[in-house]
Amino acid sequence: MADRTKDLGTSVIDVEGTETQRLKNQTALWLLQAWRTDDVQEQTETWMVIKKALEEDQLSDRSLFH
């Protein structure tokens, strides 16, 4: 157990588990950043399709978006 843990004062941390979690966190951050920097043109086109569909299927004659 001594080779897998590091004593930090009164607490003991599992170094192997901490590194695994750090890698998972980094992977999640990369994915979130990729989603944020996704193709702006594709996002705009997708929004236009969604907006049109929402406006066509509403019960009122008023526009949802101005």
PDB file of N, CA and C in Angstrom:
ATOM      1  N   MET A   1       0.817  -1.189   0.000  1.00  0.00           N
ATOM      2  CA  MET A   1       0.000   0.000   0.000  1.00  0.00           C
ATOM      3  C   MET A   1       0.864   1.258   0.000  1.00  0.00           C
ATOM      4  N   ALA A   2       2.039   1.188   0.556  1.00  0.00           N
ATOM      5  CA  ALA A   2       2.907   2.348   0.652  1.00  0.00           C
ATOM      6  C   ALA A   2       3.339   2.852  -0.723  1.00  0.00           C
ATOM      7  N   ASP A   3       3.456   1.970  -1.718  1.00  0.00           N
ATOM      8  CA  ASP A   3       3.884   2.389  -3.041  1.00  0.00           C
ATOM      9  C   ASP A   3       2.758   3.058  -3.833  1.00  0.00           C
ATOM     10  N   ARG A   4       1.492   2.847  -3.472  1.00  0.00           N
ATOM     11  CA  ARG A   4       0.350   3.425  -4.192  1.00  0.00           C
ATOM     12  C   ARG A   4      -0.199   4.669  -3.532  1.00  0.00           C
ATOM     13  N   THR A   5       0.256   5.007  -2.339  1.00  0.00           N
ATOM     14  CA  THR A   5      -0.316   6.132  -1.618  1.00  0.00           C
ATOM     15  C   THR A   5       0.762   7.135  -1.227  1.00  0.00           C
ATOM     16  N   LYS A   6       0.328   8.347  -0.979  1.00  0.00           N
ATOM     17  CA  LYS A   6       1.232   9.409  -0.542  1.00  0.00           C
ATOM     18  C   LYS A   6       0.653   9.988   0.747  1.00  0.00           C
ATOM     19  N   ASP A   7       1.468  10.087   1.776  1.00  0.00           N
ATOM     20  CA  ASP A   7       1.017  10.632   3.054  1.00  0.00           C
ATOM     21  C   ASP A   7       1.139  12.150   3.010  1.00  0.00           C
ATOM     22  N   LEU A   8       0.009  12.843   3.159  1.00  0.00           N
ATOM     23  CA  LEU A   8      -0.001  14.299   3.187  1.00  0.00           C
ATOM     24  C   LEU A   8      -0.507  14.753   4.550  1.00  0.00           C
ATOM     25  N   GLY A   9       0.359  14.747   5.526  1.00  0.00           N
ATOM     26  CA  GLY A   9      -0.033  15.132   6.881  1.00  0.00           C
ATOM     27  C   GLY A   9      -0.887  14.046   7.499  1.00  0.00           C
ATOM     28  N   THR A  10      -2.143  14.386   7.810  1.00  0.00           N
ATOM     29  CA  THR A  10      -3.026  13.428   8.458  1.00  0.00           C
ATOM     30  C   THR A  10      -3.852  12.634   7.462  1.00  0.00           C
ATOM     31  N   SER A  11      -3.848  13.016   6.160  1.00  0.00           N
ATOM     32  CA  SER A  11      -4.667  12.304   5.183  1.00  0.00           C
ATOM     33  C   SER A  11      -3.789  11.493   4.233  1.00  0.00           C
ATOM     34  N   VAL A  12      -4.349  10.421   3.734  1.00  0.00           N
ATOM     35  CA  VAL A  12      -3.657   9.562   2.782  1.00  0.00           C
ATOM     36  C   VAL A  12      -4.466   9.569   1.490  1.00  0.00           C
ATOM     37  N   ILE A  13      -3.799   9.831   0.371  1.00  0.00           N
ATOM     38  CA  ILE A  13      -4.462   9.913  -0.928  1.00  0.00           C
ATOM     39  C   ILE A  13      -3.983   8.773  -1.807  1.00  0.00           C
ATOM     40  N   ASP A  14      -4.892   8.109  -2.475  1.00  0.00           N
ATOM     41  CA  ASP A  14      -4.557   7.055  -3.417  1.00  0.00           C
ATOM     42  C   ASP A  14      -4.062   7.719  -4.705  1.00  0.00           C
ATOM     43  N   VAL A  15      -2.761   7.704  -4.922  1.00  0.00           N
ATOM     44  CA  VAL A  15      -2.156   8.400  -6.055  1.00  0.00           C
ATOM     45  C   VAL A  15      -2.652   7.827  -7.376  1.00  0.00           C
ATOM     46  N   GLU A  16      -2.779   6.534  -7.468  1.00  0.00           N
ATOM     47  CA  GLU A  16      -3.235   5.888  -8.700  1.00  0.00           C
ATOM     48  C   GLU A  16      -4.664   6.318  -9.034  1.00  0.00           C
ATOM     49  N   GLY A  17      -5.544   6.329  -8.050  1.00  0.00           N
ATOM     50  CA  GLY A  17      -6.928   6.746  -8.253  1.00  0.00           C
ATOM     51  C   GLY A  17      -7.028   8.216  -8.607  1.00  0.00           C
ATOM     52  N   THR A  18      -6.177   9.031  -8.008  1.00  0.00           N
ATOM     53  CA  THR A  18      -6.168  10.465  -8.298  1.00  0.00           C
ATOM     54  C   THR A  18      -5.751  10.703  -9.742  1.00  0.00           C
ATOM     55  N   GLU A  19      -4.751   9.999 -10.222  1.00  0.00           N
ATOM     56  CA  GLU A  19      -4.289  10.149 -11.605  1.00  0.00           C
ATOM     57  C   GLU A  19      -5.361   9.686 -12.581  1.00  0.00           C
ATOM     58  N   THR A  20      -6.050   8.602 -12.267  1.00  0.00           N
ATOM     59  CA  THR A  20      -7.131   8.126 -13.118  1.00  0.00           C
ATOM     60  C   THR A  20      -8.235   9.170 -13.215  1.00  0.00           C
ATOM     61  N   GLN A  21      -8.605   9.758 -12.094  1.00  0.00           N
ATOM     62  CA  GLN A  21      -9.647  10.782 -12.087  1.00  0.00           C
ATOM     63  C   GLN A  21      -9.193  12.015 -12.853  1.00  0.00           C
ATOM     64  N   ARG A  22      -7.921  12.394 -12.710  1.00  0.00           N
ATOM     65  CA  ARG A  22      -7.392  13.555 -13.428  1.00  0.00           C
ATOM     66  C   ARG A  22      -7.501  13.347 -14.938  1.00  0.00           C
ATOM     67  N   LEU A  23      -7.174  12.146 -15.406  1.00  0.00           N
ATOM     68  CA  LEU A  23      -7.276  11.840 -16.834  1.00  0.00           C
ATOM     69  C   LEU A  23      -8.730  11.883 -17.308  1.00  0.00           C
ATOM     70  N   LYS A  24      -9.650  11.370 -16.499  1.00  0.00           N
ATOM     71  CA  LYS A  24     -11.077  11.434 -16.845  1.00  0.00           C
ATOM     72  C   LYS A  24     -11.544  12.881 -16.918  1.00  0.00           C
ATOM     73  N   ASN A  25     -11.119  13.693 -15.955  1.00  0.00           N
ATOM     74  CA  ASN A  25     -11.498  15.108 -15.945  1.00  0.00           C
ATOM     75  C   ASN A  25     -10.957  15.820 -17.178  1.00  0.00           C
ATOM     76  N   GLN A  26      -9.702  15.555 -17.532  1.00  0.00           N
ATOM     77  CA  GLN A  26      -9.098  16.199 -18.688  1.00  0.00           C
ATOM     78  C   GLN A  26      -9.822  15.809 -19.970  1.00  0.00           C
ATOM     79  N   THR A  27     -10.190  14.549 -20.091  1.00  0.00           N
ATOM     80  CA  THR A  27     -10.934  14.083 -21.263  1.00  0.00           C
ATOM     81  C   THR A  27     -12.283  14.786 -21.354  1.00  0.00           C
ATOM     82  N   ALA A  28     -12.966  14.923 -20.237  1.00  0.00           N
ATOM     83  CA  ALA A  28     -14.255  15.615 -20.221  1.00  0.00           C
ATOM     84  C   ALA A  28     -14.087  17.086 -20.611  1.00  0.00           C
ATOM     85  N   LEU A  29     -13.041  17.723 -20.134  1.00  0.00           N
ATOM     86  CA  LEU A  29     -12.790  19.118 -20.504  1.00  0.00           C
ATOM     87  C   LEU A  29     -12.529  19.264 -21.995  1.00  0.00           C
ATOM     88  N   TRP A  30     -11.754  18.357 -22.569  1.00  0.00           N
ATOM     89  CA  TRP A  30     -11.484  18.402 -24.014  1.00  0.00           C
ATOM     90  C   TRP A  30     -12.788  18.265 -24.804  1.00  0.00           C
ATOM     91  N   LEU A  31     -13.652  17.371 -24.366  1.00  0.00           N
ATOM     92  CA  LEU A  31     -14.926  17.168 -25.048  1.00  0.00           C
ATOM     93  C   LEU A  31     -15.791  18.431 -24.968  1.00  0.00           C
ATOM     94  N   LEU A  32     -15.884  19.027 -23.791  1.00  0.00           N
ATOM     95  CA  LEU A  32     -16.666  20.256 -23.635  1.00  0.00           C
ATOM     96  C   LEU A  32     -16.105  21.390 -24.494  1.00  0.00           C
ATOM     97  N   GLN A  33     -14.787  21.514 -24.547  1.00  0.00           N
ATOM     98  CA  GLN A  33     -14.171  22.546 -25.378  1.00  0.00           C
ATOM     99  C   GLN A  33     -14.447  22.302 -26.855  1.00  0.00           C
ATOM    100  N   ALA A  34     -14.438  21.049 -27.273  1.00  0.00           N
ATOM    101  CA  ALA A  34     -14.727  20.713 -28.669  1.00  0.00           C
ATOM    102  C   ALA A  34     -16.169  21.089 -29.005  1.00  0.00           C
ATOM    103  N   TRP A  35     -17.087  20.848 -28.085  1.00  0.00           N
ATOM    104  CA  TRP A  35     -18.488  21.213 -28.317  1.00  0.00           C
ATOM    105  C   TRP A  35     -18.640  22.723 -28.438  1.00  0.00           C
ATOM    106  N   ARG A  36     -17.912  23.470 -27.615  1.00  0.00           N
ATOM    107  CA  ARG A  36     -18.018  24.933 -27.643  1.00  0.00           C
ATOM    108  C   ARG A  36     -17.459  25.523 -28.926  1.00  0.00           C
ATOM    109  N   THR A  37     -16.438  24.917 -29.480  1.00  0.00           N
ATOM    110  CA  THR A  37     -15.787  25.462 -30.675  1.00  0.00           C
ATOM    111  C   THR A  37     -16.247  24.746 -31.938  1.00  0.00           C
ATOM    112  N   ASP A  38     -17.380  24.085 -31.844  1.00  0.00           N
ATOM    113  CA  ASP A  38     -17.928  23.362 -32.991  1.00  0.00           C
ATOM    114  C   ASP A  38     -18.204  24.339 -34.137  1.00  0.00           C
ATOM    115  N   ASP A  39     -18.490  23.828 -35.289  1.00  0.00           N
ATOM    116  CA  ASP A  39     -18.711  24.609 -36.499  1.00  0.00           C
ATOM    117  C   ASP A  39     -19.872  25.590 -36.341  1.00  0.00           C
ATOM    118  N   VAL A  40     -19.574  26.872 -36.386  1.00  0.00           N
ATOM    119  CA  VAL A  40     -20.580  27.914 -36.192  1.00  0.00           C
ATOM    120  C   VAL A  40     -21.622  27.871 -37.309  1.00  0.00           C
ATOM    121  N   GLN A  41     -21.195  27.640 -38.529  1.00  0.00           N
ATOM    122  CA  GLN A  41     -22.144  27.586 -39.649  1.00  0.00           C
ATOM    123  C   GLN A  41     -23.130  26.432 -39.459  1.00  0.00           C
ATOM    124  N   GLU A  42     -22.642  25.294 -39.015  1.00  0.00           N
ATOM    125  CA  GLU A  42     -23.519  24.142 -38.779  1.00  0.00           C
ATOM    126  C   GLU A  42     -24.524  24.452 -37.672  1.00  0.00           C
ATOM    127  N   GLN A  43     -24.065  25.115 -36.619  1.00  0.00           N
ATOM    128  CA  GLN A  43     -24.959  25.475 -35.525  1.00  0.00           C
ATOM    129  C   GLN A  43     -26.040  26.456 -35.998  1.00  0.00           C
ATOM    130  N   THR A  44     -25.654  27.415 -36.832  1.00  0.00           N
ATOM    131  CA  THR A  44     -26.614  28.390 -37.359  1.00  0.00           C
ATOM    132  C   THR A  44     -27.658  27.697 -38.232  1.00  0.00           C
ATOM    133  N   GLU A  45     -27.216  26.806 -39.086  1.00  0.00           N
ATOM    134  CA  GLU A  45     -28.150  26.080 -39.949  1.00  0.00           C
ATOM    135  C   GLU A  45     -29.089  25.202 -39.133  1.00  0.00           C
ATOM    136  N   THR A  46     -28.563  24.556 -38.120  1.00  0.00           N
ATOM    137  CA  THR A  46     -29.388  23.713 -37.256  1.00  0.00           C
ATOM    138  C   THR A  46     -30.439  24.557 -36.538  1.00  0.00           C
ATOM    139  N   TRP A  47     -30.031  25.732 -36.021  1.00  0.00           N
ATOM    140  CA  TRP A  47     -30.978  26.614 -35.342  1.00  0.00           C
ATOM    141  C   TRP A  47     -32.092  27.043 -36.291  1.00  0.00           C
ATOM    142  N   MET A  48     -31.759  27.363 -37.536  1.00  0.00           N
ATOM    143  CA  MET A  48     -32.775  27.796 -38.490  1.00  0.00           C
ATOM    144  C   MET A  48     -33.811  26.692 -38.728  1.00  0.00           C
ATOM    145  N   VAL A  49     -33.362  25.445 -38.822  1.00  0.00           N
ATOM    146  CA  VAL A  49     -34.281  24.314 -39.020  1.00  0.00           C
ATOM    147  C   VAL A  49     -35.177  24.136 -37.796  1.00  0.00           C
ATOM    148  N   ILE A  50     -34.583  24.204 -36.611  1.00  0.00           N
ATOM    149  CA  ILE A  50     -35.355  24.053 -35.373  1.00  0.00           C
ATOM    150  C   ILE A  50     -36.366  25.190 -35.232  1.00  0.00           C
ATOM    151  N   LYS A  51     -35.924  26.415 -35.477  1.00  0.00           N
ATOM    152  CA  LYS A  51     -36.798  27.581 -35.363  1.00  0.00           C
ATOM    153  C   LYS A  51     -37.993  27.464 -36.312  1.00  0.00           C
ATOM    154  N   LYS A  52     -37.740  27.065 -37.549  1.00  0.00           N
ATOM    155  CA  LYS A  52     -38.815  26.907 -38.529  1.00  0.00           C
ATOM    156  C   LYS A  52     -39.821  25.853 -38.063  1.00  0.00           C
ATOM    157  N   ALA A  53     -39.316  24.724 -37.580  1.00  0.00           N
ATOM    158  CA  ALA A  53     -40.189  23.646 -37.121  1.00  0.00           C
ATOM    159  C   ALA A  53     -41.043  24.098 -35.931  1.00  0.00           C
ATOM    160  N   LEU A  54     -40.463  24.848 -35.015  1.00  0.00           N
ATOM    161  CA  LEU A  54     -41.213  25.340 -33.855  1.00  0.00           C
ATOM    162  C   LEU A  54     -42.301  26.326 -34.272  1.00  0.00           C
ATOM    163  N   GLU A  55     -41.985  27.182 -35.199  1.00  0.00           N
ATOM    164  CA  GLU A  55     -42.968  28.168 -35.641  1.00  0.00           C
ATOM    165  C   GLU A  55     -44.100  27.529 -36.450  1.00  0.00           C
ATOM    166  N   GLU A  56     -43.820  26.477 -37.194  1.00  0.00           N
ATOM    167  CA  GLU A  56     -44.853  25.807 -37.993  1.00  0.00           C
ATOM    168  C   GLU A  56     -45.842  25.039 -37.130  1.00  0.00           C
ATOM    169  N   ASP A  57     -45.394  24.503 -36.014  1.00  0.00           N
ATOM    170  CA  ASP A  57     -46.231  23.625 -35.197  1.00  0.00           C
ATOM    171  C   ASP A  57     -46.883  24.307 -34.006  1.00  0.00           C
ATOM    172  N   GLN A  58     -46.923  25.617 -33.986  1.00  0.00           N
ATOM    173  CA  GLN A  58     -47.524  26.283 -32.832  1.00  0.00           C
ATOM    174  C   GLN A  58     -49.018  26.513 -33.054  1.00  0.00           C
ATOM    175  N   LEU A  59     -49.740  26.673 -31.980  1.00  0.00           N
ATOM    176  CA  LEU A  59     -51.184  26.865 -32.042  1.00  0.00           C
ATOM    177  C   LEU A  59     -51.577  28.316 -32.296  1.00  0.00           C
ATOM    178  N   SER A  60     -50.717  29.245 -31.973  1.00  0.00           N
ATOM    179  CA  SER A  60     -51.008  30.669 -32.106  1.00  0.00           C
ATOM    180  C   SER A  60     -50.440  31.216 -33.412  1.00  0.00           C
ATOM    181  N   ASP A  61     -50.982  32.343 -33.855  1.00  0.00           N
ATOM    182  CA  ASP A  61     -50.452  33.017 -35.044  1.00  0.00           C
ATOM    183  C   ASP A  61     -49.276  33.929 -34.710  1.00  0.00           C
ATOM    184  N   ARG A  62     -49.053  34.129 -33.441  1.00  0.00           N
ATOM    185  CA  ARG A  62     -47.939  34.990 -33.023  1.00  0.00           C
ATOM    186  C   ARG A  62     -46.618  34.271 -33.224  1.00  0.00           C
ATOM    187  N   SER A  63     -45.605  35.034 -33.598  1.00  0.00           N
ATOM    188  CA  SER A  63     -44.268  34.481 -33.791  1.00  0.00           C
ATOM    189  C   SER A  63     -43.623  34.194 -32.431  1.00  0.00           C
ATOM    190  N   LEU A  64     -42.947  33.088 -32.322  1.00  0.00           N
ATOM    191  CA  LEU A  64     -42.216  32.767 -31.086  1.00  0.00           C
ATOM    192  C   LEU A  64     -40.941  33.582 -30.989  1.00  0.00           C
ATOM    193  N   PHE A  65     -40.370  33.918 -32.115  1.00  0.00           N
ATOM    194  CA  PHE A  65     -39.078  34.610 -32.163  1.00  0.00           C
ATOM    195  C   PHE A  65     -39.225  35.898 -32.947  1.00  0.00           C
ATOM    196  N   HIS A  66     -38.646  36.953 -32.439  1.00  0.00           N
ATOM    197  CA  HIS A  66     -38.738  38.264 -33.112  1.00  0.00           C
ATOM    198  C   HIS A  66     -37.420  38.614 -33.718  1.00  0.00           C
TER     199      HIS A  66
END
